[in-house]
Amino acid sequence: MSVAKVGAVVLDCPDPHTLAGFYAGVVGGTPEGEGDWVDLAVPGGPTLAFQRAEDHVPPRWPTADRSQQFHLDLTVEDLDAAEKEVLALGAKPLDTEDRARTFRVYADPAGHPFCLCAC
């Protein structure tokens, strides 16, 4: 028996509303909240929450001096189609050159790494 269940995955960022809007475009849902905290209830998944961090320093992937700390794996049917959509939403490619792999690594607009996975 588990001790707890996942309530939310929380990302520190400089602008919670902007980052919640980015992830709403990627995984669905409607951002809710004001000020320094925004929740995104993800259809079929855990809540993503976004918390303002005034001195936010984005992780740098891959490097040990500013480690990624955590990342999201987002499952998709078609890597090429999903890539076009996340790039249009403001993602930046980090490790996407190997087109034979079943995953590609991007950064969200606040610099957090995430993977699109066709696994």
PDB file of N, CA and C in Angstrom:
ATOM      1  N   MET A   1       0.837  -1.171   0.000  1.00  0.00           N
ATOM      2  CA  MET A   1       0.000   0.000   0.000  1.00  0.00           C
ATOM      3  C   MET A   1       0.887   1.241   0.000  1.00  0.00           C
ATOM      4  N   SER A   2       0.517   2.233  -0.786  1.00  0.00           N
ATOM      5  CA  SER A   2       1.322   3.452  -0.863  1.00  0.00           C
ATOM      6  C   SER A   2       1.044   4.372   0.318  1.00  0.00           C
ATOM      7  N   VAL A   3       1.996   5.199   0.613  1.00  0.00           N
ATOM      8  CA  VAL A   3       1.877   6.175   1.687  1.00  0.00           C
ATOM      9  C   VAL A   3       1.152   7.418   1.197  1.00  0.00           C
ATOM     10  N   ALA A   4       1.339   7.746  -0.075  1.00  0.00           N
ATOM     11  CA  ALA A   4       0.761   8.982  -0.609  1.00  0.00           C
ATOM     12  C   ALA A   4       0.448   8.797  -2.084  1.00  0.00           C
ATOM     13  N   LYS A   5      -0.240   9.763  -2.657  1.00  0.00           N
ATOM     14  CA  LYS A   5      -0.478   9.787  -4.096  1.00  0.00           C
ATOM     15  C   LYS A   5      -0.044  11.143  -4.623  1.00  0.00           C
ATOM     16  N   VAL A   6       0.243  11.214  -5.903  1.00  0.00           N
ATOM     17  CA  VAL A   6       0.693  12.470  -6.499  1.00  0.00           C
ATOM     18  C   VAL A   6      -0.468  13.457  -6.499  1.00  0.00           C
ATOM     19  N   GLY A   7      -0.262  14.606  -5.864  1.00  0.00           N
ATOM     20  CA  GLY A   7      -1.275  15.656  -5.871  1.00  0.00           C
ATOM     21  C   GLY A   7      -1.033  16.627  -7.007  1.00  0.00           C
ATOM     22  N   ALA A   8       0.228  17.012  -7.202  1.00  0.00           N
ATOM     23  CA  ALA A   8       0.589  17.943  -8.262  1.00  0.00           C
ATOM     24  C   ALA A   8       2.093  17.862  -8.507  1.00  0.00           C
ATOM     25  N   VAL A   9       2.474  18.191  -9.716  1.00  0.00           N
ATOM     26  CA  VAL A   9       3.869  18.414 -10.055  1.00  0.00           C
ATOM     27  C   VAL A   9       4.015  19.925 -10.160  1.00  0.00           C
ATOM     28  N   VAL A  10       4.901  20.510  -9.353  1.00  0.00           N
ATOM     29  CA  VAL A  10       5.014  21.969  -9.262  1.00  0.00           C
ATOM     30  C   VAL A  10       6.312  22.431  -9.911  1.00  0.00           C
ATOM     31  N   LEU A  11       6.187  23.411 -10.798  1.00  0.00           N
ATOM     32  CA  LEU A  11       7.347  23.985 -11.465  1.00  0.00           C
ATOM     33  C   LEU A  11       7.528  25.418 -11.010  1.00  0.00           C
ATOM     34  N   ASP A  12       8.716  25.751 -10.512  1.00  0.00           N
ATOM     35  CA  ASP A  12       9.059  27.146 -10.235  1.00  0.00           C
ATOM     36  C   ASP A  12       9.317  27.836 -11.567  1.00  0.00           C
ATOM     37  N   CYS A  13       8.949  29.102 -11.663  1.00  0.00           N
ATOM     38  CA  CYS A  13       9.123  29.833 -12.916  1.00  0.00           C
ATOM     39  C   CYS A  13       8.974  31.332 -12.653  1.00  0.00           C
ATOM     40  N   PRO A  14       9.396  32.164 -13.595  1.00  0.00           N
ATOM     41  CA  PRO A  14       9.253  33.602 -13.398  1.00  0.00           C
ATOM     42  C   PRO A  14       7.828  34.109 -13.636  1.00  0.00           C
ATOM     43  N   ASP A  15       7.035  33.408 -14.466  1.00  0.00           N
ATOM     44  CA  ASP A  15       5.683  33.864 -14.818  1.00  0.00           C
ATOM     45  C   ASP A  15       4.735  32.672 -14.869  1.00  0.00           C
ATOM     46  N   PRO A  16       4.033  32.381 -13.764  1.00  0.00           N
ATOM     47  CA  PRO A  16       3.169  31.204 -13.706  1.00  0.00           C
ATOM     48  C   PRO A  16       2.072  31.182 -14.776  1.00  0.00           C
ATOM     49  N   HIS A  17       1.505  32.327 -15.094  1.00  0.00           N
ATOM     50  CA  HIS A  17       0.407  32.358 -16.062  1.00  0.00           C
ATOM     51  C   HIS A  17       0.888  32.002 -17.460  1.00  0.00           C
ATOM     52  N   THR A  18       2.041  32.518 -17.849  1.00  0.00           N
ATOM     53  CA  THR A  18       2.585  32.220 -19.170  1.00  0.00           C
ATOM     54  C   THR A  18       2.958  30.752 -19.290  1.00  0.00           C
ATOM     55  N   LEU A  19       3.625  30.209 -18.272  1.00  0.00           N
ATOM     56  CA  LEU A  19       4.050  28.814 -18.350  1.00  0.00           C
ATOM     57  C   LEU A  19       2.849  27.865 -18.287  1.00  0.00           C
ATOM     58  N   ALA A  20       1.851  28.190 -17.490  1.00  0.00           N
ATOM     59  CA  ALA A  20       0.633  27.372 -17.460  1.00  0.00           C
ATOM     60  C   ALA A  20      -0.055  27.388 -18.821  1.00  0.00           C
ATOM     61  N   GLY A  21      -0.059  28.528 -19.487  1.00  0.00           N
ATOM     62  CA  GLY A  21      -0.638  28.612 -20.831  1.00  0.00           C
ATOM     63  C   GLY A  21       0.116  27.758 -21.832  1.00  0.00           C
ATOM     64  N   PHE A  22       1.451  27.745 -21.728  1.00  0.00           N
ATOM     65  CA  PHE A  22       2.258  26.892 -22.598  1.00  0.00           C
ATOM     66  C   PHE A  22       1.863  25.431 -22.402  1.00  0.00           C
ATOM     67  N   TYR A  23       1.851  24.956 -21.141  1.00  0.00           N
ATOM     68  CA  TYR A  23       1.534  23.552 -20.901  1.00  0.00           C
ATOM     69  C   TYR A  23       0.078  23.223 -21.214  1.00  0.00           C
ATOM     70  N   ALA A  24      -0.832  24.167 -21.064  1.00  0.00           N
ATOM     71  CA  ALA A  24      -2.219  23.929 -21.480  1.00  0.00           C
ATOM     72  C   ALA A  24      -2.266  23.670 -22.985  1.00  0.00           C
ATOM     73  N   GLY A  25      -1.454  24.376 -23.736  1.00  0.00           N
ATOM     74  CA  GLY A  25      -1.381  24.137 -25.172  1.00  0.00           C
ATOM     75  C   GLY A  25      -0.783  22.788 -25.515  1.00  0.00           C
ATOM     76  N   VAL A  26       0.100  22.284 -24.664  1.00  0.00           N
ATOM     77  CA  VAL A  26       0.764  21.003 -24.922  1.00  0.00           C
ATOM     78  C   VAL A  26      -0.087  19.824 -24.464  1.00  0.00           C
ATOM     79  N   VAL A  27      -0.620  19.864 -23.225  1.00  0.00           N
ATOM     80  CA  VAL A  27      -1.304  18.688 -22.655  1.00  0.00           C
ATOM     81  C   VAL A  27      -2.794  18.895 -22.416  1.00  0.00           C
ATOM     82  N   GLY A  28      -3.330  20.086 -22.694  1.00  0.00           N
ATOM     83  CA  GLY A  28      -4.755  20.351 -22.483  1.00  0.00           C
ATOM     84  C   GLY A  28      -5.019  20.928 -21.109  1.00  0.00           C
ATOM     85  N   GLY A  29      -6.281  21.173 -20.842  1.00  0.00           N
ATOM     86  CA  GLY A  29      -6.678  21.739 -19.562  1.00  0.00           C
ATOM     87  C   GLY A  29      -6.782  23.251 -19.616  1.00  0.00           C
ATOM     88  N   THR A  30      -7.298  23.816 -18.541  1.00  0.00           N
ATOM     89  CA  THR A  30      -7.481  25.256 -18.439  1.00  0.00           C
ATOM     90  C   THR A  30      -6.765  25.757 -17.190  1.00  0.00           C
ATOM     91  N   PRO A  31      -5.820  26.689 -17.352  1.00  0.00           N
ATOM     92  CA  PRO A  31      -5.135  27.233 -16.180  1.00  0.00           C
ATOM     93  C   PRO A  31      -6.107  27.968 -15.262  1.00  0.00           C
ATOM     94  N   GLU A  32      -5.933  27.769 -13.948  1.00  0.00           N
ATOM     95  CA  GLU A  32      -6.762  28.440 -12.960  1.00  0.00           C
ATOM     96  C   GLU A  32      -5.887  28.961 -11.837  1.00  0.00           C
ATOM     97  N   GLY A  33      -6.125  30.197 -11.445  1.00  0.00           N
ATOM     98  CA  GLY A  33      -5.385  30.775 -10.338  1.00  0.00           C
ATOM     99  C   GLY A  33      -4.959  32.193 -10.659  1.00  0.00           C
ATOM    100  N   GLU A  34      -4.527  32.872  -9.628  1.00  0.00           N
ATOM    101  CA  GLU A  34      -4.100  34.256  -9.765  1.00  0.00           C
ATOM    102  C   GLU A  34      -2.794  34.446  -9.022  1.00  0.00           C
ATOM    103  N   GLY A  35      -2.117  35.510  -9.351  1.00  0.00           N
ATOM    104  CA  GLY A  35      -0.920  35.874  -8.605  1.00  0.00           C
ATOM    105  C   GLY A  35       0.234  34.933  -8.818  1.00  0.00           C
ATOM    106  N   ASP A  36       0.757  34.430  -7.721  1.00  0.00           N
ATOM    107  CA  ASP A  36       1.991  33.666  -7.744  1.00  0.00           C
ATOM    108  C   ASP A  36       1.807  32.160  -7.911  1.00  0.00           C
ATOM    109  N   TRP A  37       0.566  31.696  -8.092  1.00  0.00           N
ATOM    110  CA  TRP A  37       0.307  30.248  -8.202  1.00  0.00           C
ATOM    111  C   TRP A  37      -0.801  30.012  -9.214  1.00  0.00           C
ATOM    112  N   VAL A  38      -0.547  29.097 -10.158  1.00  0.00           N
ATOM    113  CA  VAL A  38      -1.564  28.713 -11.144  1.00  0.00           C
ATOM    114  C   VAL A  38      -1.584  27.191 -11.225  1.00  0.00           C
ATOM    115  N   ASP A  39      -2.785  26.612 -11.186  1.00  0.00           N
ATOM    116  CA  ASP A  39      -2.976  25.170 -11.343  1.00  0.00           C
ATOM    117  C   ASP A  39      -3.451  24.873 -12.752  1.00  0.00           C
ATOM    118  N   LEU A  40      -3.023  23.712 -13.266  1.00  0.00           N
ATOM    119  CA  LEU A  40      -3.515  23.220 -14.541  1.00  0.00           C
ATOM    120  C   LEU A  40      -3.957  21.783 -14.315  1.00  0.00           C
ATOM    121  N   ALA A  41      -5.275  21.562 -14.276  1.00  0.00           N
ATOM    122  CA  ALA A  41      -5.811  20.212 -14.135  1.00  0.00           C
ATOM    123  C   ALA A  41      -5.669  19.542 -15.494  1.00  0.00           C
ATOM    124  N   VAL A  42      -4.801  18.547 -15.570  1.00  0.00           N
ATOM    125  CA  VAL A  42      -4.496  17.873 -16.827  1.00  0.00           C
ATOM    126  C   VAL A  42      -5.476  16.726 -17.035  1.00  0.00           C
ATOM    127  N   PRO A  43      -6.185  16.703 -18.160  1.00  0.00           N
ATOM    128  CA  PRO A  43      -7.094  15.585 -18.418  1.00  0.00           C
ATOM    129  C   PRO A  43      -6.340  14.247 -18.395  1.00  0.00           C
ATOM    130  N   GLY A  44      -6.765  13.339 -17.522  1.00  0.00           N
ATOM    131  CA  GLY A  44      -6.159  12.017 -17.436  1.00  0.00           C
ATOM    132  C   GLY A  44      -4.803  11.971 -16.761  1.00  0.00           C
ATOM    133  N   GLY A  45      -4.390  13.049 -16.112  1.00  0.00           N
ATOM    134  CA  GLY A  45      -3.074  13.051 -15.483  1.00  0.00           C
ATOM    135  C   GLY A  45      -3.078  13.852 -14.213  1.00  0.00           C
ATOM    136  N   PRO A  46      -1.914  13.966 -13.577  1.00  0.00           N
ATOM    137  CA  PRO A  46      -1.825  14.751 -12.342  1.00  0.00           C
ATOM    138  C   PRO A  46      -1.894  16.247 -12.650  1.00  0.00           C
ATOM    139  N   THR A  47      -2.246  17.015 -11.664  1.00  0.00           N
ATOM    140  CA  THR A  47      -2.260  18.473 -11.804  1.00  0.00           C
ATOM    141  C   THR A  47      -0.831  18.976 -11.955  1.00  0.00           C
ATOM    142  N   LEU A  48      -0.646  19.906 -12.885  1.00  0.00           N
ATOM    143  CA  LEU A  48       0.602  20.644 -12.968  1.00  0.00           C
ATOM    144  C   LEU A  48       0.351  21.987 -12.300  1.00  0.00           C
ATOM    145  N   ALA A  49       1.264  22.427 -11.474  1.00  0.00           N
ATOM    146  CA  ALA A  49       1.127  23.713 -10.796  1.00  0.00           C
ATOM    147  C   ALA A  49       2.369  24.545 -11.090  1.00  0.00           C
ATOM    148  N   PHE A  50       2.177  25.856 -11.129  1.00  0.00           N
ATOM    149  CA  PHE A  50       3.235  26.774 -11.497  1.00  0.00           C
ATOM    150  C   PHE A  50       3.330  27.845 -10.428  1.00  0.00           C
ATOM    151  N   GLN A  51       4.526  27.973  -9.843  1.00  0.00           N
ATOM    152  CA  GLN A  51       4.748  28.867  -8.716  1.00  0.00           C
ATOM    153  C   GLN A  51       5.791  29.905  -9.099  1.00  0.00           C
ATOM    154  N   ARG A  52       5.457  31.184  -8.846  1.00  0.00           N
ATOM    155  CA  ARG A  52       6.413  32.254  -9.158  1.00  0.00           C
ATOM    156  C   ARG A  52       7.639  32.138  -8.265  1.00  0.00           C
ATOM    157  N   ALA A  53       8.804  32.197  -8.912  1.00  0.00           N
ATOM    158  CA  ALA A  53      10.086  32.233  -8.217  1.00  0.00           C
ATOM    159  C   ALA A  53      10.831  33.440  -8.776  1.00  0.00           C
ATOM    160  N   GLU A  54      10.898  34.497  -7.988  1.00  0.00           N
ATOM    161  CA  GLU A  54      11.471  35.765  -8.456  1.00  0.00           C
ATOM    162  C   GLU A  54      12.887  35.625  -8.997  1.00  0.00           C
ATOM    163  N   ASP A  55      13.694  34.803  -8.372  1.00  0.00           N
ATOM    164  CA  ASP A  55      15.087  34.652  -8.789  1.00  0.00           C
ATOM    165  C   ASP A  55      15.302  33.348  -9.548  1.00  0.00           C
ATOM    166  N   HIS A  56      14.293  32.919 -10.285  1.00  0.00           N
ATOM    167  CA  HIS A  56      14.366  31.657 -11.019  1.00  0.00           C
ATOM    168  C   HIS A  56      15.563  31.638 -11.971  1.00  0.00           C
ATOM    169  N   VAL A  57      16.347  30.586 -11.860  1.00  0.00           N
ATOM    170  CA  VAL A  57      17.462  30.351 -12.774  1.00  0.00           C
ATOM    171  C   VAL A  57      17.148  29.051 -13.499  1.00  0.00           C
ATOM    172  N   PRO A  58      16.915  29.105 -14.812  1.00  0.00           N
ATOM    173  CA  PRO A  58      16.541  27.877 -15.508  1.00  0.00           C
ATOM    174  C   PRO A  58      17.661  26.843 -15.477  1.00  0.00           C
ATOM    175  N   PRO A  59      17.281  25.568 -15.430  1.00  0.00           N
ATOM    176  CA  PRO A  59      18.283  24.532 -15.508  1.00  0.00           C
ATOM    177  C   PRO A  59      18.954  24.566 -16.888  1.00  0.00           C
ATOM    178  N   ARG A  60      20.132  24.010 -16.967  1.00  0.00           N
ATOM    179  CA  ARG A  60      20.833  23.903 -18.242  1.00  0.00           C
ATOM    180  C   ARG A  60      21.017  22.418 -18.521  1.00  0.00           C
ATOM    181  N   TRP A  61      20.569  21.985 -19.675  1.00  0.00           N
ATOM    182  CA  TRP A  61      20.611  20.556 -20.003  1.00  0.00           C
ATOM    183  C   TRP A  61      21.621  20.314 -21.093  1.00  0.00           C
ATOM    184  N   PRO A  62      22.429  19.289 -21.032  1.00  0.00           N
ATOM    185  CA  PRO A  62      22.793  18.528 -19.836  1.00  0.00           C
ATOM    186  C   PRO A  62      24.061  19.090 -19.218  1.00  0.00           C
ATOM    187  N   THR A  63      24.022  19.408 -17.986  1.00  0.00           N
ATOM    188  CA  THR A  63      25.204  19.887 -17.277  1.00  0.00           C
ATOM    189  C   THR A  63      25.003  19.701 -15.783  1.00  0.00           C
ATOM    190  N   ALA A  64      26.071  19.480 -15.075  1.00  0.00           N
ATOM    191  CA  ALA A  64      25.978  19.238 -13.639  1.00  0.00           C
ATOM    192  C   ALA A  64      25.904  20.522 -12.825  1.00  0.00           C
ATOM    193  N   ASP A  65      26.437  21.631 -13.358  1.00  0.00           N
ATOM    194  CA  ASP A  65      26.474  22.843 -12.544  1.00  0.00           C
ATOM    195  C   ASP A  65      25.112  23.520 -12.419  1.00  0.00           C
ATOM    196  N   ARG A  66      24.198  23.286 -13.335  1.00  0.00           N
ATOM    197  CA  ARG A  66      22.812  23.768 -13.224  1.00  0.00           C
ATOM    198  C   ARG A  66      21.913  22.628 -13.693  1.00  0.00           C
ATOM    199  N   SER A  67      21.845  21.575 -12.878  1.00  0.00           N
ATOM    200  CA  SER A  67      21.174  20.344 -13.273  1.00  0.00           C
ATOM    201  C   SER A  67      19.699  20.575 -13.549  1.00  0.00           C
ATOM    202  N   GLN A  68      19.133  19.640 -14.301  1.00  0.00           N
ATOM    203  CA  GLN A  68      17.735  19.769 -14.678  1.00  0.00           C
ATOM    204  C   GLN A  68      16.791  19.571 -13.494  1.00  0.00           C
ATOM    205  N   GLN A  69      17.225  18.952 -12.416  1.00  0.00           N
ATOM    206  CA  GLN A  69      16.453  18.774 -11.195  1.00  0.00           C
ATOM    207  C   GLN A  69      15.292  17.800 -11.383  1.00  0.00           C
ATOM    208  N   PHE A  70      14.529  17.924 -12.419  1.00  0.00           N
ATOM    209  CA  PHE A  70      13.489  16.970 -12.796  1.00  0.00           C
ATOM    210  C   PHE A  70      13.102  17.314 -14.220  1.00  0.00           C
ATOM    211  N   HIS A  71      12.359  16.422 -14.871  1.00  0.00           N
ATOM    212  CA  HIS A  71      11.799  16.761 -16.172  1.00  0.00           C
ATOM    213  C   HIS A  71      10.512  15.988 -16.368  1.00  0.00           C
ATOM    214  N   LEU A  72       9.707  16.431 -17.307  1.00  0.00           N
ATOM    215  CA  LEU A  72       8.458  15.767 -17.643  1.00  0.00           C
ATOM    216  C   LEU A  72       8.667  14.911 -18.882  1.00  0.00           C
ATOM    217  N   ASP A  73       8.169  13.677 -18.867  1.00  0.00           N
ATOM    218  CA  ASP A  73       8.083  12.853 -20.064  1.00  0.00           C
ATOM    219  C   ASP A  73       6.639  12.903 -20.539  1.00  0.00           C
ATOM    220  N   LEU A  74       6.444  13.415 -21.736  1.00  0.00           N
ATOM    221  CA  LEU A  74       5.108  13.565 -22.298  1.00  0.00           C
ATOM    222  C   LEU A  74       4.961  12.597 -23.469  1.00  0.00           C
ATOM    223  N   THR A  75       4.030  11.651 -23.336  1.00  0.00           N
ATOM    224  CA  THR A  75       3.836  10.617 -24.341  1.00  0.00           C
ATOM    225  C   THR A  75       3.024  11.158 -25.513  1.00  0.00           C
ATOM    226  N   VAL A  76       3.504  10.891 -26.727  1.00  0.00           N
ATOM    227  CA  VAL A  76       2.833  11.352 -27.954  1.00  0.00           C
ATOM    228  C   VAL A  76       2.740  10.202 -28.950  1.00  0.00           C
ATOM    229  N   GLU A  77       1.812  10.316 -29.886  1.00  0.00           N
ATOM    230  CA  GLU A  77       1.664   9.315 -30.946  1.00  0.00           C
ATOM    231  C   GLU A  77       2.679   9.540 -32.056  1.00  0.00           C
ATOM    232  N   ASP A  78       2.896  10.806 -32.438  1.00  0.00           N
ATOM    233  CA  ASP A  78       3.726  11.159 -33.591  1.00  0.00           C
ATOM    234  C   ASP A  78       4.726  12.231 -33.165  1.00  0.00           C
ATOM    235  N   LEU A  79       6.005  11.851 -33.063  1.00  0.00           N
ATOM    236  CA  LEU A  79       7.025  12.791 -32.608  1.00  0.00           C
ATOM    237  C   LEU A  79       7.136  14.015 -33.509  1.00  0.00           C
ATOM    238  N   ASP A  80       7.109  13.823 -34.818  1.00  0.00           N
ATOM    239  CA  ASP A  80       7.264  14.958 -35.734  1.00  0.00           C
ATOM    240  C   ASP A  80       6.119  15.952 -35.596  1.00  0.00           C
ATOM    241  N   ALA A  81       4.899  15.447 -35.540  1.00  0.00           N
ATOM    242  CA  ALA A  81       3.736  16.332 -35.405  1.00  0.00           C
ATOM    243  C   ALA A  81       3.755  17.052 -34.062  1.00  0.00           C
ATOM    244  N   ALA A  82       4.067  16.320 -32.986  1.00  0.00           N
ATOM    245  CA  ALA A  82       4.109  16.925 -31.650  1.00  0.00           C
ATOM    246  C   ALA A  82       5.219  17.967 -31.573  1.00  0.00           C
ATOM    247  N   GLU A  83       6.351  17.684 -32.201  1.00  0.00           N
ATOM    248  CA  GLU A  83       7.453  18.643 -32.203  1.00  0.00           C
ATOM    249  C   GLU A  83       7.026  19.964 -32.833  1.00  0.00           C
ATOM    250  N   LYS A  84       6.363  19.902 -33.966  1.00  0.00           N
ATOM    251  CA  LYS A  84       5.891  21.137 -34.618  1.00  0.00           C
ATOM    252  C   LYS A  84       5.000  21.944 -33.688  1.00  0.00           C
ATOM    253  N   GLU A  85       4.126  21.256 -32.971  1.00  0.00           N
ATOM    254  CA  GLU A  85       3.192  21.951 -32.084  1.00  0.00           C
ATOM    255  C   GLU A  85       3.895  22.590 -30.891  1.00  0.00           C
ATOM    256  N   VAL A  86       4.815  21.855 -30.240  1.00  0.00           N
ATOM    257  CA  VAL A  86       5.472  22.444 -29.063  1.00  0.00           C
ATOM    258  C   VAL A  86       6.403  23.583 -29.462  1.00  0.00           C
ATOM    259  N   LEU A  87       7.037  23.478 -30.621  1.00  0.00           N
ATOM    260  CA  LEU A  87       7.884  24.581 -31.089  1.00  0.00           C
ATOM    261  C   LEU A  87       7.037  25.815 -31.372  1.00  0.00           C
ATOM    262  N   ALA A  88       5.865  25.629 -31.962  1.00  0.00           N
ATOM    263  CA  ALA A  88       4.957  26.754 -32.230  1.00  0.00           C
ATOM    264  C   ALA A  88       4.471  27.398 -30.936  1.00  0.00           C
ATOM    265  N   LEU A  89       4.381  26.606 -29.856  1.00  0.00           N
ATOM    266  CA  LEU A  89       3.955  27.119 -28.552  1.00  0.00           C
ATOM    267  C   LEU A  89       5.084  27.827 -27.800  1.00  0.00           C
ATOM    268  N   GLY A  90       6.323  27.693 -28.277  1.00  0.00           N
ATOM    269  CA  GLY A  90       7.438  28.388 -27.634  1.00  0.00           C
ATOM    270  C   GLY A  90       8.519  27.501 -27.054  1.00  0.00           C
ATOM    271  N   ALA A  91       8.447  26.183 -27.266  1.00  0.00           N
ATOM    272  CA  ALA A  91       9.501  25.295 -26.783  1.00  0.00           C
ATOM    273  C   ALA A  91      10.788  25.526 -27.574  1.00  0.00           C
ATOM    274  N   LYS A  92      11.910  25.181 -26.939  1.00  0.00           N
ATOM    275  CA  LYS A  92      13.214  25.264 -27.600  1.00  0.00           C
ATOM    276  C   LYS A  92      13.834  23.866 -27.639  1.00  0.00           C
ATOM    277  N   PRO A  93      14.348  23.443 -28.789  1.00  0.00           N
ATOM    278  CA  PRO A  93      14.970  22.120 -28.857  1.00  0.00           C
ATOM    279  C   PRO A  93      16.281  22.077 -28.070  1.00  0.00           C
ATOM    280  N   LEU A  94      16.479  21.000 -27.311  1.00  0.00           N
ATOM    281  CA  LEU A  94      17.724  20.792 -26.570  1.00  0.00           C
ATOM    282  C   LEU A  94      18.516  19.619 -27.133  1.00  0.00           C
ATOM    283  N   ASP A  95      17.823  18.518 -27.432  1.00  0.00           N
ATOM    284  CA  ASP A  95      18.479  17.322 -27.950  1.00  0.00           C
ATOM    285  C   ASP A  95      17.487  16.611 -28.859  1.00  0.00           C
ATOM    286  N   THR A  96      17.467  17.018 -30.117  1.00  0.00           N
ATOM    287  CA  THR A  96      16.465  16.510 -31.058  1.00  0.00           C
ATOM    288  C   THR A  96      17.086  15.966 -32.345  1.00  0.00           C
ATOM    289  N   GLU A  97      18.409  15.938 -32.420  1.00  0.00           N
ATOM    290  CA  GLU A  97      19.076  15.582 -33.663  1.00  0.00           C
ATOM    291  C   GLU A  97      18.897  14.115 -34.052  1.00  0.00           C
ATOM    292  N   ASP A  98      18.917  13.198 -33.090  1.00  0.00           N
ATOM    293  CA  ASP A  98      18.816  11.767 -33.385  1.00  0.00           C
ATOM    294  C   ASP A  98      17.355  11.405 -33.634  1.00  0.00           C
ATOM    295  N   ARG A  99      16.961  11.418 -34.893  1.00  0.00           N
ATOM    296  CA  ARG A  99      15.563  11.182 -35.260  1.00  0.00           C
ATOM    297  C   ARG A  99      15.171   9.705 -35.173  1.00  0.00           C
ATOM    298  N   ALA A 100      16.141   8.802 -34.932  1.00  0.00           N
ATOM    299  CA  ALA A 100      15.829   7.379 -34.801  1.00  0.00           C
ATOM    300  C   ALA A 100      15.388   7.021 -33.379  1.00  0.00           C
ATOM    301  N   ARG A 101      15.691   7.885 -32.405  1.00  0.00           N
ATOM    302  CA  ARG A 101      15.303   7.610 -31.012  1.00  0.00           C
ATOM    303  C   ARG A 101      13.796   7.760 -30.842  1.00  0.00           C
ATOM    304  N   THR A 102      13.309   7.203 -29.744  1.00  0.00           N
ATOM    305  CA  THR A 102      11.884   7.291 -29.435  1.00  0.00           C
ATOM    306  C   THR A 102      11.555   8.485 -28.560  1.00  0.00           C
ATOM    307  N   PHE A 103      12.516   9.390 -28.351  1.00  0.00           N
ATOM    308  CA  PHE A 103      12.256  10.592 -27.555  1.00  0.00           C
ATOM    309  C   PHE A 103      13.101  11.741 -28.083  1.00  0.00           C
ATOM    310  N   ARG A 104      12.635  12.968 -27.753  1.00  0.00           N
ATOM    311  CA  ARG A 104      13.359  14.196 -28.066  1.00  0.00           C
ATOM    312  C   ARG A 104      13.225  15.132 -26.870  1.00  0.00           C
ATOM    313  N   VAL A 105      14.273  15.924 -26.625  1.00  0.00           N
ATOM    314  CA  VAL A 105      14.328  16.771 -25.439  1.00  0.00           C
ATOM    315  C   VAL A 105      14.188  18.238 -25.841  1.00  0.00           C
ATOM    316  N   TYR A 106      13.343  18.963 -25.110  1.00  0.00           N
ATOM    317  CA  TYR A 106      13.065  20.379 -25.350  1.00  0.00           C
ATOM    318  C   TYR A 106      13.116  21.123 -24.023  1.00  0.00           C
ATOM    319  N   ALA A 107      13.091  22.443 -24.100  1.00  0.00           N
ATOM    320  CA  ALA A 107      12.916  23.283 -22.913  1.00  0.00           C
ATOM    321  C   ALA A 107      11.619  24.051 -23.079  1.00  0.00           C
ATOM    322  N   ASP A 108      10.883  24.183 -21.981  1.00  0.00           N
ATOM    323  CA  ASP A 108       9.688  25.023 -22.007  1.00  0.00           C
ATOM    324  C   ASP A 108      10.124  26.494 -21.981  1.00  0.00           C
ATOM    325  N   PRO A 109       9.196  27.447 -22.093  1.00  0.00           N
ATOM    326  CA  PRO A 109       9.598  28.860 -22.126  1.00  0.00           C
ATOM    327  C   PRO A 109      10.348  29.352 -20.892  1.00  0.00           C
ATOM    328  N   ALA A 110      10.229  28.657 -19.749  1.00  0.00           N
ATOM    329  CA  ALA A 110      10.978  29.046 -18.552  1.00  0.00           C
ATOM    330  C   ALA A 110      12.295  28.281 -18.432  1.00  0.00           C
ATOM    331  N   GLY A 111      12.591  27.396 -19.389  1.00  0.00           N
ATOM    332  CA  GLY A 111      13.852  26.679 -19.406  1.00  0.00           C
ATOM    333  C   GLY A 111      13.835  25.286 -18.816  1.00  0.00           C
ATOM    334  N   HIS A 112      12.668  24.782 -18.342  1.00  0.00           N
ATOM    335  CA  HIS A 112      12.604  23.438 -17.791  1.00  0.00           C
ATOM    336  C   HIS A 112      12.659  22.412 -18.917  1.00  0.00           C
ATOM    337  N   PRO A 113      13.517  21.398 -18.807  1.00  0.00           N
ATOM    338  CA  PRO A 113      13.558  20.353 -19.819  1.00  0.00           C
ATOM    339  C   PRO A 113      12.309  19.479 -19.771  1.00  0.00           C
ATOM    340  N   PHE A 114      11.871  19.037 -20.935  1.00  0.00           N
ATOM    341  CA  PHE A 114      10.826  18.019 -21.034  1.00  0.00           C
ATOM    342  C   PHE A 114      11.082  17.185 -22.265  1.00  0.00           C
ATOM    343  N   CYS A 115      10.588  15.948 -22.238  1.00  0.00           N
ATOM    344  CA  CYS A 115      10.779  15.045 -23.364  1.00  0.00           C
ATOM    345  C   CYS A 115       9.432  14.735 -23.998  1.00  0.00           C
ATOM    346  N   LEU A 116       9.419  14.708 -25.315  1.00  0.00           N
ATOM    347  CA  LEU A 116       8.322  14.099 -26.046  1.00  0.00           C
ATOM    348  C   LEU A 116       8.760  12.665 -26.305  1.00  0.00           C
ATOM    349  N   CYS A 117       7.912  11.711 -25.932  1.00  0.00           N
ATOM    350  CA  CYS A 117       8.260  10.294 -26.021  1.00  0.00           C
ATOM    351  C   CYS A 117       7.207   9.547 -26.823  1.00  0.00           C
ATOM    352  N   ALA A 118       7.663   8.820 -27.822  1.00  0.00           N
ATOM    353  CA  ALA A 118       6.781   7.901 -28.565  1.00  0.00           C
ATOM    354  C   ALA A 118       7.166   6.496 -28.120  1.00  0.00           C
ATOM    355  N   CYS A 119       6.909   6.222 -26.844  1.00  0.00           N
ATOM    356  CA  CYS A 119       7.348   4.953 -26.237  1.00  0.00           C
ATOM    357  C   CYS A 119       6.157   4.073 -25.973  1.00  0.00           C
TER     358      CYS A 119
END
